[in-house]
Amino acid sequence: MILCIFGGEIVSDCLQIPEDFSIHIAFMTSPCAMHQHDYLELAYIRRGWTQHTLEGETRTLTAGDFILVDYGEVHSYDVVGQNLEAINCMFRPVSVDSGLRNCRSFRELLDSWLLGMGYIMGGIPGQEKVFRDETGQVQQLLTRLLTEFQYRKLGYAPMVRALLTEILVEMARLLGERHQSVTQHSIQWMLEEIRRNPGNPHQLSQYAKQLQTRPEMLCRLFQKEVGMGFQQYLRQVRMQLACGLLQTTQNSIPQIAEQCGYEDVKSFREAFRQERGCSPLQWKKQGQPL
C-alpha cells in the first residue's frame, strides 16, 4: 500500500508498487503527466485546486473533493494551484483482504467486500467518480492514515487497514446517498414503461441489466418505492388492461391473454383469478365494473 501527500508532481518510482504491503510518502509541486497504474487510487484534495483528467474527461477538483481511479485508467493532473495539497492513497485490494487478489476496480471492491454495495453505482462512469466530502469525515480518516504511516507505532499496519476500511464504508455511504434520488427516478421510469404497454415482456432481470444493478437489489428497491413486488404490480396492471378488453371488445380469451403479455391462456386465467377472484369469462358474463 502507498500513501502519497503531494502538491503536484508524482515521481516515477511512486507509480510502481510491489505486490507486498509497502509504504511510500512523497511531496510534489508540479503537474503530473498522463499515466496509468496497476492499483486503485483515491486522491483527496486537502487544500488548493487542480485540473484533473480521467479517461479523457477533465474537471477541476477543489479542497474537499476526492476522485477514484481504477486499474488501467489513464489520468493526469494537468494544472495545479500554487497551494495544492492532496492526499493520494494508492493500494491493491489484496492489501485489504487476501481474497481480493483479482479485484481491479472500486466497484468490484465494494461488491465483493461490502455486501454488494458496488452494484449501487453500476459501472461508476467518470462523472460519478468525483465525491464531495461535505462533513470532512473522509479527510479526518485520511489524515489519521497518514499519521499512522509517518510514525509507524506498534500495530500501525492493522490500524491502516482499519482506517482504509472506514474510508471505503464512508465512500459507499456517499454513493448510496447520491444514487437514492437516481433510484427513485429509475423506479418511476419502470412504472411508466409497464403502464405504457403492459403486454410487453417486462422482466426484472432486463431492467436490472439496463440500470446496471443486481435483480435482487432492484427487487428490494421496487418493493420499497412501490409498496408491492415487481410481479404483483405487473400482474395488477395487466389485469386492469384485461378487464377493459373483456368489457369493450369481442376478442377471445386467448387473444386477450396475448394482448396482456401471457403466452398461454392457463397462466392468464390463473393470474386473473388471483387478482380478481374469478375467471375472465365469469368476469365478462357478470359485467363487473372496471
Protein backbone atom coordinates (compact mmCIF):
# COMPACT_ATOMS: atom_id res chain seq x y z
CA MET A 1 0.00 0.00 0.00
CA ILE A 2 1.23 3.53 -0.75
CA LEU A 3 0.12 6.82 0.69
CA CYS A 4 1.36 9.99 -1.01
CA ILE A 5 0.82 13.55 0.12
CA PHE A 6 1.70 15.84 -2.73
CA GLY A 7 1.44 19.29 -4.16
CA GLY A 8 1.71 18.34 -7.82
CA GLU A 9 4.17 16.01 -9.47
CA ILE A 10 4.29 12.27 -8.92
CA VAL A 11 7.78 10.83 -9.28
CA SER A 12 8.16 7.71 -11.42
CA ASP A 13 9.14 5.33 -8.64
CA CYS A 14 5.98 6.29 -6.77
CA LEU A 15 3.90 4.68 -9.50
CA GLN A 16 5.47 1.24 -9.17
CA ILE A 17 4.43 -0.54 -6.01
CA PRO A 18 5.48 -4.07 -5.06
CA GLU A 19 2.98 -6.86 -4.53
CA ASP A 20 3.58 -6.96 -0.79
CA PHE A 21 2.46 -4.36 1.74
CA SER A 22 4.67 -1.25 1.27
CA ILE A 23 4.67 2.43 2.21
CA HIS A 24 5.87 5.49 0.32
CA ILE A 25 5.36 9.16 1.10
CA ALA A 26 6.28 11.85 -1.46
CA PHE A 27 5.94 15.62 -1.64
CA MET A 28 5.48 17.13 -5.12
CA THR A 29 4.99 20.62 -6.57
CA SER A 30 4.23 20.42 -10.31
CA PRO A 31 1.65 18.81 -12.65
CA CYS A 32 1.67 15.07 -13.23
CA ALA A 33 1.70 13.75 -16.81
CA MET A 34 -0.79 11.24 -18.21
CA HIS A 35 -0.26 7.79 -16.69
CA GLN A 36 -1.96 4.57 -15.59
CA HIS A 37 -1.13 2.01 -12.94
CA ASP A 38 -1.88 -1.44 -11.56
CA TYR A 39 -3.55 -0.46 -8.30
CA LEU A 40 -6.52 1.52 -7.02
CA GLU A 41 -6.10 5.19 -6.23
CA LEU A 42 -8.09 7.60 -4.09
CA ALA A 43 -6.86 11.19 -4.48
CA TYR A 44 -8.17 13.70 -1.93
CA ILE A 45 -7.68 17.46 -2.38
CA ARG A 46 -6.92 18.80 1.09
CA ARG A 47 -6.04 22.34 0.03
CA GLY A 48 -5.95 24.38 -3.20
CA TRP A 49 -7.13 23.07 -6.55
CA THR A 50 -6.10 21.06 -9.60
CA GLN A 51 -7.36 20.33 -13.09
CA HIS A 52 -7.60 16.58 -13.34
CA THR A 53 -8.25 14.43 -16.43
CA LEU A 54 -9.57 10.89 -16.10
CA GLU A 55 -10.17 8.80 -19.22
CA GLY A 56 -10.46 11.95 -21.35
CA GLU A 57 -12.82 13.82 -19.01
CA THR A 58 -11.33 16.97 -17.44
CA ARG A 59 -12.70 18.58 -14.29
CA THR A 60 -11.48 20.98 -11.62
CA LEU A 61 -11.06 19.49 -8.17
CA THR A 62 -11.03 21.79 -5.15
CA ALA A 63 -10.48 21.32 -1.42
CA GLY A 64 -12.85 18.66 -0.10
CA ASP A 65 -13.15 16.78 -3.41
CA PHE A 66 -11.79 13.29 -3.93
CA ILE A 67 -11.67 11.08 -7.00
CA LEU A 68 -11.39 7.33 -7.61
CA VAL A 69 -9.09 5.79 -10.21
CA ASP A 70 -9.30 2.09 -11.15
CA TYR A 71 -6.61 -0.22 -12.50
CA GLY A 72 -5.50 0.77 -16.01
CA GLU A 73 -7.42 4.05 -16.15
CA VAL A 74 -5.46 6.88 -17.73
CA HIS A 75 -5.37 10.11 -15.73
CA SER A 76 -3.28 13.21 -15.16
CA TYR A 77 -3.03 16.37 -13.04
CA ASP A 78 -2.85 18.92 -15.86
CA VAL A 79 -2.79 22.22 -13.98
CA VAL A 80 -2.31 22.74 -10.25
CA GLY A 81 -2.76 25.72 -7.95
CA GLN A 82 0.27 27.07 -6.12
CA ASN A 83 -1.04 25.89 -2.76
CA LEU A 84 -2.24 22.45 -3.84
CA GLU A 85 -2.02 19.79 -1.15
CA ALA A 86 -3.55 16.39 -1.73
CA ILE A 87 -3.52 13.04 -0.01
CA ASN A 88 -3.11 10.29 -2.55
CA CYS A 89 -3.95 6.82 -1.25
CA MET A 90 -2.90 4.05 -3.66
CA PHE A 91 -3.40 0.41 -2.81
CA ARG A 92 -4.09 -3.05 -4.14
CA PRO A 93 -7.30 -4.63 -2.82
CA VAL A 94 -5.30 -7.65 -1.64
CA SER A 95 -3.78 -5.32 0.98
CA VAL A 96 -7.28 -5.03 2.45
CA ASP A 97 -8.35 -8.63 2.01
CA SER A 98 -6.25 -11.53 0.71
CA GLY A 99 -9.29 -12.86 -1.15
CA LEU A 100 -9.38 -9.81 -3.45
CA ARG A 101 -6.26 -10.64 -5.46
CA ASN A 102 -8.11 -10.36 -8.79
CA CYS A 103 -10.08 -7.23 -7.93
CA ARG A 104 -9.39 -4.38 -10.39
CA SER A 105 -11.94 -1.66 -9.67
CA PHE A 106 -13.67 0.16 -6.82
CA ARG A 107 -16.96 -1.33 -7.96
CA GLU A 108 -15.57 -4.85 -7.67
CA LEU A 109 -14.08 -3.99 -4.30
CA LEU A 110 -17.37 -2.70 -2.91
CA ASP A 111 -19.33 -5.54 -4.45
CA SER A 112 -17.04 -8.33 -3.24
CA TRP A 113 -16.16 -6.90 0.12
CA LEU A 114 -19.04 -4.69 1.25
CA LEU A 115 -22.08 -6.89 0.65
CA GLY A 116 -22.90 -5.91 -2.91
CA MET A 117 -22.53 -2.15 -2.45
CA GLY A 118 -20.74 -1.91 -5.80
CA TYR A 119 -23.95 -2.53 -7.67
CA ILE A 120 -25.42 0.68 -6.29
CA MET A 121 -23.37 2.69 -8.74
CA GLY A 122 -23.21 0.40 -11.75
CA GLY A 123 -20.01 0.81 -13.71
CA ILE A 124 -19.14 4.13 -12.00
CA PRO A 125 -18.71 6.35 -15.07
CA GLY A 126 -16.17 9.18 -14.92
CA GLN A 127 -18.55 11.86 -13.67
CA GLU A 128 -19.60 9.54 -10.83
CA LYS A 129 -16.04 9.11 -9.56
CA VAL A 130 -15.75 12.56 -8.02
CA PHE A 131 -17.08 12.97 -4.50
CA ARG A 132 -17.54 15.90 -2.15
CA ASP A 133 -16.55 15.33 1.47
CA GLU A 134 -19.11 17.72 2.96
CA THR A 135 -18.61 16.58 6.57
CA GLY A 136 -14.82 16.27 6.42
CA GLN A 137 -15.05 12.69 7.68
CA VAL A 138 -13.00 11.25 4.81
CA GLN A 139 -10.29 13.87 5.31
CA GLN A 140 -10.08 13.06 9.01
CA LEU A 141 -9.66 9.37 8.28
CA LEU A 142 -7.02 10.02 5.61
CA THR A 143 -5.14 12.34 7.96
CA ARG A 144 -5.11 9.65 10.62
CA LEU A 145 -3.96 7.19 7.97
CA LEU A 146 -1.10 9.49 7.05
CA THR A 147 -0.13 9.87 10.72
CA GLU A 148 -0.01 6.09 11.14
CA PHE A 149 2.34 5.85 8.16
CA GLN A 150 4.57 8.64 9.40
CA TYR A 151 5.06 7.40 12.99
CA ARG A 152 4.60 3.64 12.48
CA LYS A 153 3.77 2.89 16.07
CA LEU A 154 3.17 -0.64 17.27
CA GLY A 155 0.22 -2.09 15.38
CA TYR A 156 0.20 0.57 12.67
CA ALA A 157 -0.35 -1.93 9.81
CA PRO A 158 -3.71 -3.29 11.09
CA MET A 159 -4.68 0.26 12.05
CA VAL A 160 -4.02 1.37 8.46
CA ARG A 161 -6.26 -1.39 7.17
CA ALA A 162 -8.97 -0.46 9.67
CA LEU A 163 -8.84 3.20 8.65
CA LEU A 164 -8.94 2.30 4.97
CA THR A 165 -11.98 0.12 5.71
CA GLU A 166 -13.71 3.12 7.30
CA ILE A 167 -12.88 5.26 4.28
CA LEU A 168 -14.39 2.70 1.92
CA VAL A 169 -17.54 2.45 4.03
CA GLU A 170 -17.88 6.25 4.01
CA MET A 171 -17.45 6.19 0.24
CA ALA A 172 -20.17 3.53 -0.06
CA ARG A 173 -22.49 5.70 2.04
CA LEU A 174 -21.86 8.70 -0.18
CA LEU A 175 -22.66 6.54 -3.20
CA GLY A 176 -25.84 5.34 -1.55
CA GLU A 177 -26.99 8.89 -0.84
CA ARG A 178 -26.13 10.03 -4.35
CA HIS A 179 -27.98 7.20 -6.00
CA GLN A 180 -31.07 7.31 -3.84
CA SER A 181 -32.65 10.02 -5.99
CA VAL A 182 -31.40 8.28 -9.15
CA THR A 183 -33.02 5.07 -7.94
CA GLN A 184 -36.36 6.80 -7.37
CA HIS A 185 -36.26 8.14 -10.94
CA SER A 186 -35.36 4.66 -12.21
CA ILE A 187 -38.34 3.06 -10.48
CA GLN A 188 -40.66 5.74 -11.86
CA TRP A 189 -39.29 5.02 -15.33
CA MET A 190 -40.02 1.29 -14.86
CA LEU A 191 -43.60 2.04 -13.77
CA GLU A 192 -44.15 4.23 -16.82
CA GLU A 193 -42.76 1.52 -19.11
CA ILE A 194 -45.15 -1.05 -17.64
CA ARG A 195 -48.18 1.25 -17.73
CA ARG A 196 -47.46 2.36 -21.30
CA ASN A 197 -47.56 -1.18 -22.66
CA PRO A 198 -48.44 -3.89 -20.10
CA GLY A 199 -48.35 -6.56 -22.81
CA ASN A 200 -44.62 -6.19 -23.39
CA PRO A 201 -42.36 -8.90 -21.92
CA HIS A 202 -41.36 -6.95 -18.82
CA GLN A 203 -38.64 -8.78 -16.89
CA LEU A 204 -36.96 -7.58 -13.73
CA SER A 205 -33.65 -9.07 -14.87
CA GLN A 206 -33.71 -6.98 -18.06
CA TYR A 207 -34.47 -3.79 -16.15
CA ALA A 208 -31.63 -4.61 -13.75
CA LYS A 209 -29.28 -5.07 -16.69
CA GLN A 210 -30.30 -1.71 -18.19
CA LEU A 211 -29.87 0.02 -14.84
CA GLN A 212 -26.60 -1.82 -14.13
CA THR A 213 -27.73 -3.27 -10.83
CA ARG A 214 -28.47 -6.67 -9.38
CA PRO A 215 -32.01 -8.07 -9.82
CA GLU A 216 -32.32 -8.82 -6.10
CA MET A 217 -31.29 -5.27 -5.22
CA LEU A 218 -33.69 -3.78 -7.77
CA CYS A 219 -36.42 -6.06 -6.40
CA ARG A 220 -35.90 -4.65 -2.89
CA LEU A 221 -35.84 -1.07 -4.16
CA PHE A 222 -39.01 -1.63 -6.19
CA GLN A 223 -40.80 -3.06 -3.15
CA LYS A 224 -39.69 -0.11 -1.04
CA GLU A 225 -40.76 2.56 -3.55
CA VAL A 226 -43.99 0.98 -4.83
CA GLY A 227 -45.20 -0.92 -1.77
CA MET A 228 -45.53 -4.21 -3.64
CA GLY A 229 -43.31 -6.60 -5.56
CA PHE A 230 -42.47 -6.22 -9.24
CA GLN A 231 -44.51 -9.26 -10.35
CA GLN A 232 -47.51 -8.23 -8.27
CA TYR A 233 -47.50 -4.75 -9.77
CA LEU A 234 -47.08 -6.10 -13.30
CA ARG A 235 -49.97 -8.54 -12.79
CA GLN A 236 -52.15 -5.77 -11.38
CA VAL A 237 -51.58 -3.51 -14.38
CA ARG A 238 -52.09 -6.37 -16.84
CA MET A 239 -55.36 -7.39 -15.19
CA GLN A 240 -56.62 -3.81 -15.41
CA LEU A 241 -55.95 -3.99 -19.14
CA ALA A 242 -57.61 -7.41 -19.34
CA CYS A 243 -60.77 -6.15 -17.63
CA GLY A 244 -61.00 -3.29 -20.05
CA LEU A 245 -60.59 -5.58 -23.05
CA LEU A 246 -63.16 -8.04 -21.69
CA GLN A 247 -65.77 -5.28 -21.40
CA THR A 248 -65.04 -3.23 -24.51
CA THR A 249 -64.04 -5.79 -27.14
CA GLN A 250 -65.28 -9.06 -28.57
CA ASN A 251 -61.79 -10.54 -28.51
CA SER A 252 -61.48 -14.14 -27.40
CA ILE A 253 -59.83 -15.08 -24.07
CA PRO A 254 -56.67 -16.35 -25.88
CA GLN A 255 -56.43 -13.07 -27.81
CA ILE A 256 -56.80 -11.01 -24.64
CA ALA A 257 -54.25 -13.19 -22.87
CA GLU A 258 -51.75 -12.47 -25.65
CA GLN A 259 -52.52 -8.74 -25.59
CA CYS A 260 -51.81 -8.75 -21.85
CA GLY A 261 -48.41 -10.39 -22.24
CA TYR A 262 -49.29 -14.02 -21.46
CA GLU A 263 -48.01 -16.72 -23.76
CA ASP A 264 -50.58 -19.29 -22.67
CA VAL A 265 -54.19 -19.00 -21.59
CA LYS A 266 -53.72 -21.11 -18.47
CA SER A 267 -51.23 -18.66 -16.96
CA PHE A 268 -53.52 -15.78 -17.87
CA ARG A 269 -56.55 -17.40 -16.22
CA GLU A 270 -54.56 -18.19 -13.06
CA ALA A 271 -53.29 -14.60 -12.86
CA PHE A 272 -56.77 -13.20 -13.46
CA ARG A 273 -58.35 -15.40 -10.78
CA GLN A 274 -55.59 -14.48 -8.33
CA GLU A 275 -56.17 -10.77 -8.96
CA ARG A 276 -59.98 -10.66 -9.42
CA GLY A 277 -61.23 -13.78 -7.64
CA CYS A 278 -62.99 -15.26 -10.69
CA SER A 279 -62.24 -16.44 -14.22
CA PRO A 280 -62.02 -13.99 -17.15
CA LEU A 281 -65.18 -15.49 -18.66
CA GLN A 282 -67.13 -15.14 -15.41
CA TRP A 283 -66.00 -11.52 -15.18
CA LYS A 284 -67.18 -10.86 -18.72
CA LYS A 285 -70.57 -12.51 -18.17
CA GLN A 286 -71.18 -10.72 -14.89
CA GLY A 287 -70.25 -7.37 -16.46
CA GLN A 288 -68.15 -6.35 -13.47
CA PRO A 289 -67.21 -2.67 -13.24
CA LEU A 290 -63.62 -1.69 -14.01
